[in-house]
C-alpha atoms as a PDB file:
ATOM      1  CA  MET A   1    -105.157  25.200  24.992  1.00  0.00           C
ATOM      2  CA  ALA A   2    -101.721  24.124  23.718  1.00  0.00           C
ATOM      3  CA  ALA A   3    -101.194  21.674  20.886  1.00  0.00           C
ATOM      4  CA  SER A   4     -99.489  18.445  21.912  1.00  0.00           C
ATOM      5  CA  GLU A   5     -95.798  17.879  21.181  1.00  0.00           C
ATOM      6  CA  ASN A   6     -96.725  15.122  18.743  1.00  0.00           C
ATOM      7  CA  ASN A   7     -98.989  17.480  16.819  1.00  0.00           C
ATOM      8  CA  LEU A   8     -96.280  20.122  16.641  1.00  0.00           C
ATOM      9  CA  ALA A   9     -93.857  17.509  15.324  1.00  0.00           C
ATOM     10  CA  ASP A  10     -96.358  16.647  12.619  1.00  0.00           C
ATOM     11  CA  TYR A  11     -96.598  20.318  11.635  1.00  0.00           C
ATOM     12  CA  ASN A  12     -92.813  20.532  11.361  1.00  0.00           C
ATOM     13  CA  ARG A  13     -92.615  17.422   9.166  1.00  0.00           C
ATOM     14  CA  ASN A  14     -95.323  18.568   6.774  1.00  0.00           C
ATOM     15  CA  PRO A  15     -94.664  21.914   5.055  1.00  0.00           C
ATOM     16  CA  ASP A  16     -98.338  22.195   4.084  1.00  0.00           C
ATOM     17  CA  GLN A  17     -99.301  22.365   7.749  1.00  0.00           C
ATOM     18  CA  LEU A  18     -99.812  25.861   9.162  1.00  0.00           C
ATOM     19  CA  GLN A  19     -99.584  27.003  12.764  1.00  0.00           C
ATOM     20  CA  PRO A  20    -102.708  26.199  14.812  1.00  0.00           C
ATOM     21  CA  LEU A  21    -105.071  29.072  15.592  1.00  0.00           C
ATOM     22  CA  ARG A  22    -106.982  29.509  18.845  1.00  0.00           C
ATOM     23  CA  VAL A  23    -110.016  31.741  19.192  1.00  0.00           C
ATOM     24  CA  THR A  24    -112.669  32.303  21.841  1.00  0.00           C
ATOM     25  CA  ILE A  25    -116.259  32.456  20.654  1.00  0.00           C
ATOM     26  CA  PRO A  26    -117.709  35.873  21.583  1.00  0.00           C
ATOM     27  CA  ASP A  27    -121.171  36.219  23.068  1.00  0.00           C
ATOM     28  CA  GLY A  28    -122.293  37.920  19.861  1.00  0.00           C
ATOM     29  CA  CYS A  29    -122.007  34.605  18.016  1.00  0.00           C
ATOM     30  CA  ALA A  30    -124.221  32.710  20.454  1.00  0.00           C
ATOM     31  CA  GLY A  31    -126.610  30.342  18.677  1.00  0.00           C
ATOM     32  CA  LEU A  32    -124.672  30.203  15.425  1.00  0.00           C
ATOM     33  CA  ARG A  33    -123.303  27.028  13.886  1.00  0.00           C
ATOM     34  CA  LEU A  34    -119.588  26.659  14.467  1.00  0.00           C
ATOM     35  CA  ASP A  35    -118.690  27.156  10.780  1.00  0.00           C
ATOM     36  CA  GLN A  36    -120.803  30.335  10.677  1.00  0.00           C
ATOM     37  CA  ALA A  37    -119.117  31.727  13.775  1.00  0.00           C
ATOM     38  CA  LEU A  38    -115.651  30.872  12.503  1.00  0.00           C
ATOM     39  CA  SER A  39    -116.300  32.478   9.128  1.00  0.00           C
ATOM     40  CA  LYS A  40    -116.915  35.743  11.006  1.00  0.00           C
ATOM     41  CA  LEU A  41    -113.870  35.345  13.248  1.00  0.00           C
ATOM     42  CA  LEU A  42    -111.505  34.043  10.543  1.00  0.00           C
ATOM     43  CA  PRO A  43    -112.556  35.845   7.335  1.00  0.00           C
ATOM     44  CA  GLN A  44    -109.271  34.850   5.641  1.00  0.00           C
ATOM     45  CA  TYR A  45    -110.714  31.347   5.208  1.00  0.00           C
ATOM     46  CA  SER A  46    -113.801  30.511   3.144  1.00  0.00           C
ATOM     47  CA  ARG A  47    -116.816  28.861   4.738  1.00  0.00           C
ATOM     48  CA  SER A  48    -116.344  25.784   2.548  1.00  0.00           C
ATOM     49  CA  ARG A  49    -112.746  25.396   3.672  1.00  0.00           C
ATOM     50  CA  LEU A  50    -113.730  25.704   7.340  1.00  0.00           C
ATOM     51  CA  GLN A  51    -116.451  23.094   6.813  1.00  0.00           C
ATOM     52  CA  GLU A  52    -113.918  20.747   5.223  1.00  0.00           C
ATOM     53  CA  TRP A  53    -111.595  21.166   8.194  1.00  0.00           C
ATOM     54  CA  ILE A  54    -114.452  20.351  10.559  1.00  0.00           C
ATOM     55  CA  LYS A  55    -115.216  17.166   8.607  1.00  0.00           C
ATOM     56  CA  SER A  56    -111.546  16.163   8.620  1.00  0.00           C
ATOM     57  CA  ARG A  57    -111.360  16.708  12.423  1.00  0.00           C
ATOM     58  CA  ARG A  58    -108.976  19.641  12.138  1.00  0.00           C
ATOM     59  CA  ILE A  59    -111.132  21.879  14.356  1.00  0.00           C
ATOM     60  CA  LEU A  60    -111.481  21.221  18.069  1.00  0.00           C
ATOM     61  CA  LEU A  61    -114.236  22.730  20.201  1.00  0.00           C
ATOM     62  CA  ALA A  62    -113.483  22.689  23.929  1.00  0.00           C
ATOM     63  CA  GLY A  63    -110.783  20.122  23.279  1.00  0.00           C
ATOM     64  CA  GLN A  64    -112.972  17.718  21.277  1.00  0.00           C
ATOM     65  CA  ALA A  65    -113.299  17.241  17.520  1.00  0.00           C
ATOM     66  CA  ALA A  66    -116.150  19.449  16.352  1.00  0.00           C
ATOM     67  CA  THR A  67    -119.089  18.208  14.289  1.00  0.00           C
ATOM     68  CA  PRO A  68    -120.496  19.942  11.187  1.00  0.00           C
ATOM     69  CA  LYS A  69    -123.830  21.007  12.724  1.00  0.00           C
ATOM     70  CA  GLN A  70    -122.558  21.902  16.177  1.00  0.00           C
ATOM     71  CA  ASN A  71    -123.758  25.211  17.655  1.00  0.00           C
ATOM     72  CA  VAL A  72    -121.779  27.586  19.857  1.00  0.00           C
ATOM     73  CA  TRP A  73    -123.064  29.728  22.747  1.00  0.00           C
ATOM     74  CA  GLY A  74    -120.164  32.036  23.583  1.00  0.00           C
ATOM     75  CA  GLY A  75    -117.082  31.558  25.681  1.00  0.00           C
ATOM     76  CA  GLU A  76    -115.939  28.287  24.052  1.00  0.00           C
ATOM     77  CA  THR A  77    -112.311  27.886  23.043  1.00  0.00           C
ATOM     78  CA  VAL A  78    -111.793  26.688  19.466  1.00  0.00           C
ATOM     79  CA  GLU A  79    -108.549  25.371  18.047  1.00  0.00           C
ATOM     80  CA  VAL A  80    -108.194  25.384  14.276  1.00  0.00           C
ATOM     81  CA  ARG A  81    -105.464  23.286  12.731  1.00  0.00           C
ATOM     82  CA  PRO A  82    -105.299  24.678   9.192  1.00  0.00           C
ATOM     83  CA  VAL A  83    -103.729  22.975   6.228  1.00  0.00           C
ATOM     84  CA  ALA A  84    -102.751  24.822   3.083  1.00  0.00           C
ATOM     85  CA  ASP A  85    -104.990  24.554   0.051  1.00  0.00           C
ATOM     86  CA  PRO A  86    -103.209  22.291  -2.469  1.00  0.00           C
ATOM     87  CA  ALA A  87    -103.843  24.844  -5.204  1.00  0.00           C
ATOM     88  CA  GLU A  88    -101.861  27.388  -3.198  1.00  0.00           C
ATOM     89  CA  THR A  89     -98.827  25.146  -2.670  1.00  0.00           C
ATOM     90  CA  SER A  90     -98.712  23.244  -5.963  1.00  0.00           C
ATOM     91  CA  PHE A  91     -96.022  25.501  -7.475  1.00  0.00           C
ATOM     92  CA  ARG A  92     -93.329  23.813  -5.419  1.00  0.00           C
ATOM     93  CA  ALA A  93     -90.008  22.460  -6.667  1.00  0.00           C
ATOM     94  CA  GLU A  94     -89.720  18.680  -6.484  1.00  0.00           C
ATOM     95  CA  GLU A  95     -86.698  16.569  -7.314  1.00  0.00           C
ATOM     96  CA  ILE A  96     -88.066  14.462 -10.155  1.00  0.00           C
ATOM     97  CA  ASP A  97     -86.012  12.988 -12.980  1.00  0.00           C
ATOM     98  CA  LEU A  98     -86.505  14.632 -16.367  1.00  0.00           C
ATOM     99  CA  ASP A  99     -85.476  13.404 -19.798  1.00  0.00           C
ATOM    100  CA  ILE A 100     -84.133  16.672 -21.206  1.00  0.00           C
ATOM    101  CA  VAL A 101     -83.514  16.417 -24.936  1.00  0.00           C
ATOM    102  CA  TYR A 102     -82.192  19.954 -25.409  1.00  0.00           C
ATOM    103  CA  GLU A 103     -81.517  23.008 -23.257  1.00  0.00           C
ATOM    104  CA  ASP A 104     -80.009  26.464 -23.619  1.00  0.00           C
ATOM    105  CA  ASP A 105     -80.573  29.867 -21.999  1.00  0.00           C
ATOM    106  CA  ALA A 106     -83.845  30.450 -23.867  1.00  0.00           C
ATOM    107  CA  LEU A 107     -85.687  27.140 -23.790  1.00  0.00           C
ATOM    108  CA  LEU A 108     -85.590  23.470 -22.973  1.00  0.00           C
ATOM    109  CA  VAL A 109     -87.208  20.464 -24.625  1.00  0.00           C
ATOM    110  CA  VAL A 110     -88.397  17.558 -22.484  1.00  0.00           C
ATOM    111  CA  ASN A 111     -89.305  14.024 -23.495  1.00  0.00           C
ATOM    112  CA  LYS A 112     -92.218  13.557 -21.094  1.00  0.00           C
ATOM    113  CA  ALA A 113     -92.791  10.102 -19.690  1.00  0.00           C
ATOM    114  CA  PRO A 114     -96.275   8.583 -19.880  1.00  0.00           C
ATOM    115  CA  GLY A 115     -98.161   8.948 -16.619  1.00  0.00           C
ATOM    116  CA  MET A 116     -96.742  12.363 -15.732  1.00  0.00           C
ATOM    117  CA  VAL A 117     -99.179  15.258 -15.419  1.00  0.00           C
ATOM    118  CA  VAL A 118     -97.879  18.464 -17.004  1.00  0.00           C
ATOM    119  CA  HIS A 119     -99.549  21.079 -14.784  1.00  0.00           C
ATOM    120  CA  PRO A 120    -100.950  20.778 -11.229  1.00  0.00           C
ATOM    121  CA  ALA A 121    -104.726  20.481 -11.040  1.00  0.00           C
ATOM    122  CA  SER A 122    -107.395  18.824  -8.951  1.00  0.00           C
ATOM    123  CA  GLY A 123    -106.279  15.322  -8.035  1.00  0.00           C
ATOM    124  CA  ASN A 124    -102.714  15.964  -9.185  1.00  0.00           C
ATOM    125  CA  TRP A 125    -101.222  18.704  -7.028  1.00  0.00           C
ATOM    126  CA  GLU A 126     -97.696  17.282  -6.932  1.00  0.00           C
ATOM    127  CA  GLY A 127     -95.349  15.093  -8.938  1.00  0.00           C
ATOM    128  CA  THR A 128     -96.057  17.064 -12.113  1.00  0.00           C
ATOM    129  CA  LEU A 129     -93.766  18.235 -14.874  1.00  0.00           C
ATOM    130  CA  LEU A 130     -94.121  21.781 -13.531  1.00  0.00           C
ATOM    131  CA  ASN A 131     -92.868  20.693 -10.097  1.00  0.00           C
ATOM    132  CA  ALA A 132     -89.902  18.955 -11.710  1.00  0.00           C
ATOM    133  CA  LEU A 133     -89.090  21.997 -13.861  1.00  0.00           C
ATOM    134  CA  LEU A 134     -89.035  24.299 -10.835  1.00  0.00           C
ATOM    135  CA  HIS A 135     -86.408  22.075  -9.238  1.00  0.00           C
ATOM    136  CA  HIS A 136     -84.337  21.854 -12.411  1.00  0.00           C
ATOM    137  CA  ALA A 137     -84.528  25.576 -13.193  1.00  0.00           C
ATOM    138  CA  PRO A 138     -85.759  27.615 -10.183  1.00  0.00           C
ATOM    139  CA  GLN A 139     -85.915  30.831 -12.236  1.00  0.00           C
ATOM    140  CA  LEU A 140     -88.984  29.395 -13.993  1.00  0.00           C
ATOM    141  CA  ALA A 141     -90.993  30.341 -10.904  1.00  0.00           C
ATOM    142  CA  GLY A 142     -90.989  33.891 -12.278  1.00  0.00           C
ATOM    143  CA  LEU A 143     -92.754  32.907 -15.517  1.00  0.00           C
ATOM    144  CA  PRO A 144     -96.446  32.223 -16.140  1.00  0.00           C
ATOM    145  CA  ARG A 145     -97.067  28.457 -15.821  1.00  0.00           C
ATOM    146  CA  ALA A 146     -93.314  28.050 -15.165  1.00  0.00           C
ATOM    147  CA  GLY A 147     -92.602  28.587 -18.856  1.00  0.00           C
ATOM    148  CA  ILE A 148     -94.897  25.836 -20.143  1.00  0.00           C
ATOM    149  CA  VAL A 149     -96.401  26.911 -23.468  1.00  0.00           C
ATOM    150  CA  HIS A 150     -98.265  23.761 -24.514  1.00  0.00           C
ATOM    151  CA  ARG A 151     -99.273  20.513 -22.857  1.00  0.00           C
ATOM    152  CA  LEU A 152     -99.543  16.792 -23.367  1.00  0.00           C
ATOM    153  CA  ASP A 153    -102.170  14.620 -21.711  1.00  0.00           C
ATOM    154  CA  LYS A 154    -101.052  12.693 -18.649  1.00  0.00           C
ATOM    155  CA  ASP A 155    -100.815   9.371 -20.490  1.00  0.00           C
ATOM    156  CA  THR A 156     -99.368  10.803 -23.697  1.00  0.00           C
ATOM    157  CA  SER A 157     -95.590  10.592 -23.954  1.00  0.00           C
ATOM    158  CA  GLY A 158     -93.131  12.656 -25.942  1.00  0.00           C
ATOM    159  CA  LEU A 159     -91.726  16.070 -26.712  1.00  0.00           C
ATOM    160  CA  LEU A 160     -92.749  19.321 -25.081  1.00  0.00           C
ATOM    161  CA  VAL A 161     -91.016  22.718 -25.188  1.00  0.00           C
ATOM    162  CA  VAL A 162     -90.632  25.004 -22.170  1.00  0.00           C
ATOM    163  CA  ALA A 163     -89.538  28.652 -22.313  1.00  0.00           C
ATOM    164  CA  LYS A 164     -86.899  29.865 -19.865  1.00  0.00           C
ATOM    165  CA  THR A 165     -87.469  33.595 -20.342  1.00  0.00           C
ATOM    166  CA  LEU A 166     -90.570  35.732 -20.754  1.00  0.00           C
ATOM    167  CA  GLU A 167     -89.385  36.848 -24.201  1.00  0.00           C
ATOM    168  CA  SER A 168     -88.980  33.253 -25.334  1.00  0.00           C
ATOM    169  CA  GLN A 169     -92.356  32.294 -23.912  1.00  0.00           C
ATOM    170  CA  THR A 170     -94.073  35.140 -25.754  1.00  0.00           C
ATOM    171  CA  ASP A 171     -92.356  34.176 -29.009  1.00  0.00           C
ATOM    172  CA  LEU A 172     -93.202  30.469 -28.703  1.00  0.00           C
ATOM    173  CA  VAL A 173     -96.837  31.204 -27.906  1.00  0.00           C
ATOM    174  CA  ARG A 174     -97.017  33.342 -31.032  1.00  0.00           C
ATOM    175  CA  GLN A 175     -95.511  30.533 -33.093  1.00  0.00           C
ATOM    176  CA  LEU A 176     -98.168  28.162 -31.770  1.00  0.00           C
ATOM    177  CA  GLN A 177    -100.893  30.666 -32.590  1.00  0.00           C
ATOM    178  CA  ALA A 178     -99.453  31.113 -36.088  1.00  0.00           C
ATOM    179  CA  ARG A 179     -99.447  27.296 -36.513  1.00  0.00           C
ATOM    180  CA  THR A 180     -95.755  27.253 -37.414  1.00  0.00           C
ATOM    181  CA  VAL A 181     -94.724  24.819 -34.667  1.00  0.00           C
ATOM    182  CA  LYS A 182     -94.413  21.341 -36.187  1.00  0.00           C
ATOM    183  CA  ARG A 183     -95.787  18.530 -34.029  1.00  0.00           C
ATOM    184  CA  VAL A 184     -95.862  14.942 -35.222  1.00  0.00           C
ATOM    185  CA  TYR A 185     -97.316  12.054 -33.224  1.00  0.00           C
ATOM    186  CA  PHE A 186     -97.436   8.283 -33.535  1.00  0.00           C
ATOM    187  CA  ALA A 187    -100.812   6.776 -32.644  1.00  0.00           C
ATOM    188  CA  LEU A 188    -101.834   3.133 -32.532  1.00  0.00           C
ATOM    189  CA  VAL A 189    -105.503   2.995 -33.468  1.00  0.00           C
ATOM    190  CA  GLN A 190    -108.013   0.187 -33.451  1.00  0.00           C
ATOM    191  CA  GLY A 191    -109.113  -1.089 -36.827  1.00  0.00           C
ATOM    192  CA  PHE A 192    -107.784  -1.094 -40.387  1.00  0.00           C
ATOM    193  CA  VAL A 193    -107.064   2.406 -41.708  1.00  0.00           C
ATOM    194  CA  GLU A 194    -106.940   1.928 -45.453  1.00  0.00           C
ATOM    195  CA  ARG A 195    -105.217   5.180 -46.361  1.00  0.00           C
ATOM    196  CA  GLY A 196    -104.173   8.528 -44.934  1.00  0.00           C
ATOM    197  CA  GLY A 197    -106.140  11.740 -45.027  1.00  0.00           C
ATOM    198  CA  THR A 198    -107.059  14.921 -43.193  1.00  0.00           C
ATOM    199  CA  VAL A 199    -109.671  15.592 -40.536  1.00  0.00           C
ATOM    200  CA  GLU A 200    -110.864  19.170 -40.457  1.00  0.00           C
ATOM    201  CA  ALA A 201    -113.537  19.294 -37.784  1.00  0.00           C
ATOM    202  CA  PRO A 202    -114.073  21.698 -34.862  1.00  0.00           C
ATOM    203  CA  VAL A 203    -113.312  20.346 -31.391  1.00  0.00           C
ATOM    204  CA  GLY A 204    -115.052  21.566 -28.242  1.00  0.00           C
ATOM    205  CA  ARG A 205    -116.403  20.433 -24.907  1.00  0.00           C
ATOM    206  CA  HIS A 206    -118.762  17.449 -25.129  1.00  0.00           C
ATOM    207  CA  PRO A 207    -122.333  18.768 -24.691  1.00  0.00           C
ATOM    208  CA  GLN A 208    -123.327  16.105 -22.138  1.00  0.00           C
ATOM    209  CA  GLN A 209    -120.079  14.667 -20.747  1.00  0.00           C
ATOM    210  CA  ARG A 210    -118.121  17.737 -19.681  1.00  0.00           C
ATOM    211  CA  VAL A 211    -114.885  15.867 -18.951  1.00  0.00           C
ATOM    212  CA  LYS A 212    -114.662  14.900 -22.610  1.00  0.00           C
ATOM    213  CA  MET A 213    -114.093  16.753 -25.838  1.00  0.00           C
ATOM    214  CA  ALA A 214    -115.972  16.101 -29.083  1.00  0.00           C
ATOM    215  CA  VAL A 215    -116.376  17.158 -32.676  1.00  0.00           C
ATOM    216  CA  THR A 216    -119.038  19.796 -32.212  1.00  0.00           C
ATOM    217  CA  ARG A 217    -120.447  22.664 -34.217  1.00  0.00           C
ATOM    218  CA  GLY A 218    -119.555  25.215 -31.558  1.00  0.00           C
ATOM    219  CA  GLY A 219    -115.968  23.985 -31.153  1.00  0.00           C
ATOM    220  CA  LYS A 220    -112.722  25.622 -32.207  1.00  0.00           C
ATOM    221  CA  PRO A 221    -111.241  24.910 -35.657  1.00  0.00           C
ATOM    222  CA  ALA A 222    -109.018  21.825 -35.612  1.00  0.00           C
ATOM    223  CA  VAL A 223    -107.015  20.146 -38.366  1.00  0.00           C
ATOM    224  CA  THR A 224    -105.234  16.791 -38.134  1.00  0.00           C
ATOM    225  CA  HIS A 225    -103.324  15.146 -40.991  1.00  0.00           C
ATOM    226  CA  TYR A 226    -102.729  11.404 -40.696  1.00  0.00           C
ATOM    227  CA  GLU A 227    -100.925   8.756 -42.726  1.00  0.00           C
ATOM    228  CA  VAL A 228    -100.587   5.003 -42.428  1.00  0.00           C
ATOM    229  CA  VAL A 229     -97.225   3.795 -41.113  1.00  0.00           C
ATOM    230  CA  GLU A 230     -97.902   0.104 -40.533  1.00  0.00           C
ATOM    231  CA  TRP A 231    -100.787  -2.346 -40.657  1.00  0.00           C
ATOM    232  CA  LEU A 232    -100.935  -4.744 -37.719  1.00  0.00           C
ATOM    233  CA  PRO A 233    -103.424  -7.369 -36.524  1.00  0.00           C
ATOM    234  CA  ALA A 234    -106.579  -5.477 -35.458  1.00  0.00           C
ATOM    235  CA  TYR A 235    -104.634  -2.186 -35.323  1.00  0.00           C
ATOM    236  CA  THR A 236    -103.003   0.429 -37.522  1.00  0.00           C
ATOM    237  CA  LEU A 237     -99.996   2.543 -36.617  1.00  0.00           C
ATOM    238  CA  VAL A 238    -100.553   6.061 -37.952  1.00  0.00           C
ATOM    239  CA  ARG A 239     -98.506   9.235 -38.006  1.00  0.00           C
ATOM    240  CA  CYS A 240    -100.476  12.380 -37.172  1.00  0.00           C
ATOM    241  CA  SER A 241     -99.350  15.963 -37.730  1.00  0.00           C
ATOM    242  CA  LEU A 242    -101.197  18.886 -36.198  1.00  0.00           C
ATOM    243  CA  GLU A 243    -102.055  22.250 -37.650  1.00  0.00           C
ATOM    244  CA  THR A 244    -103.884  23.150 -34.448  1.00  0.00           C
ATOM    245  CA  GLY A 245    -103.478  22.000 -30.860  1.00  0.00           C
ATOM    246  CA  ARG A 246    -106.909  21.531 -29.342  1.00  0.00           C
ATOM    247  CA  THR A 247    -107.404  19.521 -26.182  1.00  0.00           C
ATOM    248  CA  HIS A 248    -107.517  15.777 -27.023  1.00  0.00           C
ATOM    249  CA  GLN A 249    -107.479  16.676 -30.730  1.00  0.00           C
ATOM    250  CA  ILE A 250    -105.938  13.493 -32.143  1.00  0.00           C
ATOM    251  CA  ARG A 251    -107.953  11.288 -29.809  1.00  0.00           C
ATOM    252  CA  VAL A 252    -111.217  12.990 -30.794  1.00  0.00           C
ATOM    253  CA  HIS A 253    -110.470  13.174 -34.514  1.00  0.00           C
ATOM    254  CA  MET A 254    -109.433   9.530 -34.835  1.00  0.00           C
ATOM    255  CA  GLN A 255    -112.505   8.451 -32.879  1.00  0.00           C
ATOM    256  CA  SER A 256    -114.659  10.513 -35.225  1.00  0.00           C
ATOM    257  CA  LEU A 257    -113.317   8.387 -38.090  1.00  0.00           C
ATOM    258  CA  GLY A 258    -114.157   5.182 -36.228  1.00  0.00           C
ATOM    259  CA  TYR A 259    -110.570   4.456 -35.183  1.00  0.00           C
ATOM    260  CA  PRO A 260    -110.166   5.131 -31.439  1.00  0.00           C
ATOM    261  CA  LEU A 261    -106.696   4.918 -29.957  1.00  0.00           C
ATOM    262  CA  ALA A 262    -105.632   1.687 -28.294  1.00  0.00           C
ATOM    263  CA  GLY A 263    -106.094   1.959 -24.544  1.00  0.00           C
ATOM    264  CA  ASP A 264    -108.141   5.166 -24.768  1.00  0.00           C
ATOM    265  CA  THR A 265    -111.284   4.127 -22.914  1.00  0.00           C
ATOM    266  CA  VAL A 266    -112.467   7.752 -22.697  1.00  0.00           C
ATOM    267  CA  TYR A 267    -112.968   7.811 -26.460  1.00  0.00           C
ATOM    268  CA  GLY A 268    -114.034   4.241 -27.172  1.00  0.00           C
ATOM    269  CA  GLY A 269    -110.696   2.463 -27.171  1.00  0.00           C
ATOM    270  CA  LYS A 270    -109.999  -0.814 -25.372  1.00  0.00           C
ATOM    271  CA  LYS A 271    -107.230  -1.534 -22.900  1.00  0.00           C
ATOM    272  CA  ALA A 272    -107.180  -5.211 -23.850  1.00  0.00           C
ATOM    273  CA  VAL A 273    -107.985  -7.152 -26.984  1.00  0.00           C
ATOM    274  CA  GLU A 274    -107.913 -10.872 -27.789  1.00  0.00           C
ATOM    275  CA  ILE A 275    -106.522 -11.855 -31.174  1.00  0.00           C
ATOM    276  CA  ALA A 276    -106.275 -15.502 -32.238  1.00  0.00           C
ATOM    277  CA  GLY A 277    -106.474 -16.624 -28.624  1.00  0.00           C
ATOM    278  CA  GLN A 278    -103.767 -14.228 -27.436  1.00  0.00           C
ATOM    279  CA  ARG A 279    -104.706 -11.391 -25.112  1.00  0.00           C
ATOM    280  CA  LEU A 280    -102.837  -8.107 -25.562  1.00  0.00           C
ATOM    281  CA  HIS A 281    -103.062  -5.303 -23.023  1.00  0.00           C
ATOM    282  CA  PHE A 282    -102.204  -1.592 -23.268  1.00  0.00           C
ATOM    283  CA  PRO A 283    -103.280   0.444 -20.215  1.00  0.00           C
ATOM    284  CA  ARG A 284    -103.131   4.003 -21.626  1.00  0.00           C
ATOM    285  CA  GLN A 285    -103.887   5.802 -24.849  1.00  0.00           C
ATOM    286  CA  ALA A 286    -101.238   4.809 -27.401  1.00  0.00           C
ATOM    287  CA  LEU A 287    -100.074   8.284 -28.366  1.00  0.00           C
ATOM    288  CA  HIS A 288     -96.528   9.625 -28.535  1.00  0.00           C
ATOM    289  CA  ALA A 289     -95.284  13.092 -29.533  1.00  0.00           C
ATOM    290  CA  ALA A 290     -92.357  11.977 -31.673  1.00  0.00           C
ATOM    291  CA  ARG A 291     -91.223  15.146 -33.464  1.00  0.00           C
ATOM    292  CA  LEU A 292     -91.176  18.817 -32.515  1.00  0.00           C
ATOM    293  CA  GLY A 293     -89.988  21.620 -34.778  1.00  0.00           C
ATOM    294  CA  LEU A 294     -89.890  25.379 -34.212  1.00  0.00           C
ATOM    295  CA  ILE A 295     -87.948  28.565 -34.820  1.00  0.00           C
ATOM    296  CA  HIS A 296     -85.540  29.313 -32.001  1.00  0.00           C
ATOM    297  CA  PRO A 297     -86.836  32.492 -30.313  1.00  0.00           C
ATOM    298  CA  VAL A 298     -83.342  34.034 -30.003  1.00  0.00           C
ATOM    299  CA  SER A 299     -81.233  32.713 -32.883  1.00  0.00           C
ATOM    300  CA  GLY A 300     -84.065  32.553 -35.419  1.00  0.00           C
ATOM    301  CA  LYS A 301     -82.822  29.156 -36.606  1.00  0.00           C
ATOM    302  CA  ALA A 302     -85.170  26.307 -37.453  1.00  0.00           C
ATOM    303  CA  MET A 303     -84.713  23.491 -34.950  1.00  0.00           C
ATOM    304  CA  GLU A 304     -86.208  20.013 -34.704  1.00  0.00           C
ATOM    305  CA  TRP A 305     -86.064  17.214 -32.150  1.00  0.00           C
ATOM    306  CA  ARG A 306     -87.169  13.584 -32.210  1.00  0.00           C
ATOM    307  CA  ALA A 307     -88.003  11.179 -29.395  1.00  0.00           C
ATOM    308  CA  PRO A 308     -88.135   7.381 -29.769  1.00  0.00           C
ATOM    309  CA  LEU A 309     -91.225   5.467 -28.769  1.00  0.00           C
ATOM    310  CA  PRO A 310     -91.326   4.613 -25.058  1.00  0.00           C
ATOM    311  CA  GLU A 311     -90.743   1.025 -24.027  1.00  0.00           C
ATOM    312  CA  ASP A 312     -94.392   0.098 -23.441  1.00  0.00           C
ATOM    313  CA  PHE A 313     -95.461   1.421 -26.850  1.00  0.00           C
ATOM    314  CA  GLU A 314     -92.599  -0.352 -28.629  1.00  0.00           C
ATOM    315  CA  ALA A 315     -93.351  -3.581 -26.766  1.00  0.00           C
ATOM    316  CA  MET A 316     -96.997  -3.439 -27.884  1.00  0.00           C
ATOM    317  CA  LEU A 317     -95.964  -2.977 -31.501  1.00  0.00           C
ATOM    318  CA  GLU A 318     -93.489  -5.860 -31.294  1.00  0.00           C
ATOM    319  CA  ALA A 319     -96.125  -8.151 -29.799  1.00  0.00           C
ATOM    320  CA  LEU A 320     -98.499  -7.276 -32.642  1.00  0.00           C
ATOM    321  CA  ARG A 321     -95.786  -7.861 -35.244  1.00  0.00           C
ATOM    322  CA  GLN A 322     -94.965 -11.267 -33.833  1.00  0.00           C
ATOM    323  CA  LEU A 323     -98.647 -12.136 -33.710  1.00  0.00           C
ATOM    324  CA  GLY A 324     -98.958 -11.062 -37.337  1.00  0.00           C
ATOM    325  CA  GLU A 325     -96.115 -13.358 -38.358  1.00  0.00           C
ATOM    326  CA  THR A 326     -97.827 -16.235 -36.552  1.00  0.00           C
ATOM    327  CA  LEU A 327    -101.113 -15.582 -38.337  1.00  0.00           C
ATOM    328  CA  ASP A 328     -99.327 -15.488 -41.720  1.00  0.00           C
ATOM    329  CA  GLU A 329     -97.797 -18.951 -41.243  1.00  0.00           C
END
């Protein structure tokens, strides 16, 4: 059975589409469910993937879309219209604008925009920083994780370093492990932080809510230093410097003090707050990686970069400042 011209055109337009496969069910598979028979005939594909293709009407039995519990009896013609697993095609170059703060033959430093995922994962297989890097510097395809040595959360903005050679990547990873990379963040937290301090508390996976992190006895050592930058109505702008780089470290540590980040609903923050009859809204966690310092892996020189607050963060601060002036009158 031949695929229609329209279907073939669809395959040509979509690079994730693979060529259709046609098989005849042998008599030895009589009585089996279709997915069971196909798993024997097409061992290169997992049973779960075949089942998903049946549900998404990508498998035709005798010219009709198959159903999940359909049995076969031998002699039927089956057409499989496979589609690539997103995890297998996620390392693809995409033309996406990057704010490159610095670049040479050994490394590059990017000011990541809020909303951009750093590395492809479930639910975010394209449009990531990694995809953009592969377009900007195709040679990164030869490095683990395309040269990425540390990450920022999707909604966190700011500076991130990427290695362009394996030697540089190895050196930068060692600097991170030795805690010599300087990383300074601005965070807008809810509440009045009277003075600065240090949080030294292990961070690990939340024991009940596995998508979250938490201060937990079995976690990895984590140290965050914080200082007050500015007091604002209902909020405090703080500067946080990291000794360690655990997942969600600043978000978890500030929550543990009772000061969740503005917009960080995962850790108790609010996306909107009403102050003196005025409603202010911030849709993401208010966290920005503002300074990054390290030793250049080739020259051995100390280098440092700074990135200004993104527009939405600055606008939130300005709105709070103006509100504060109104309340003081």
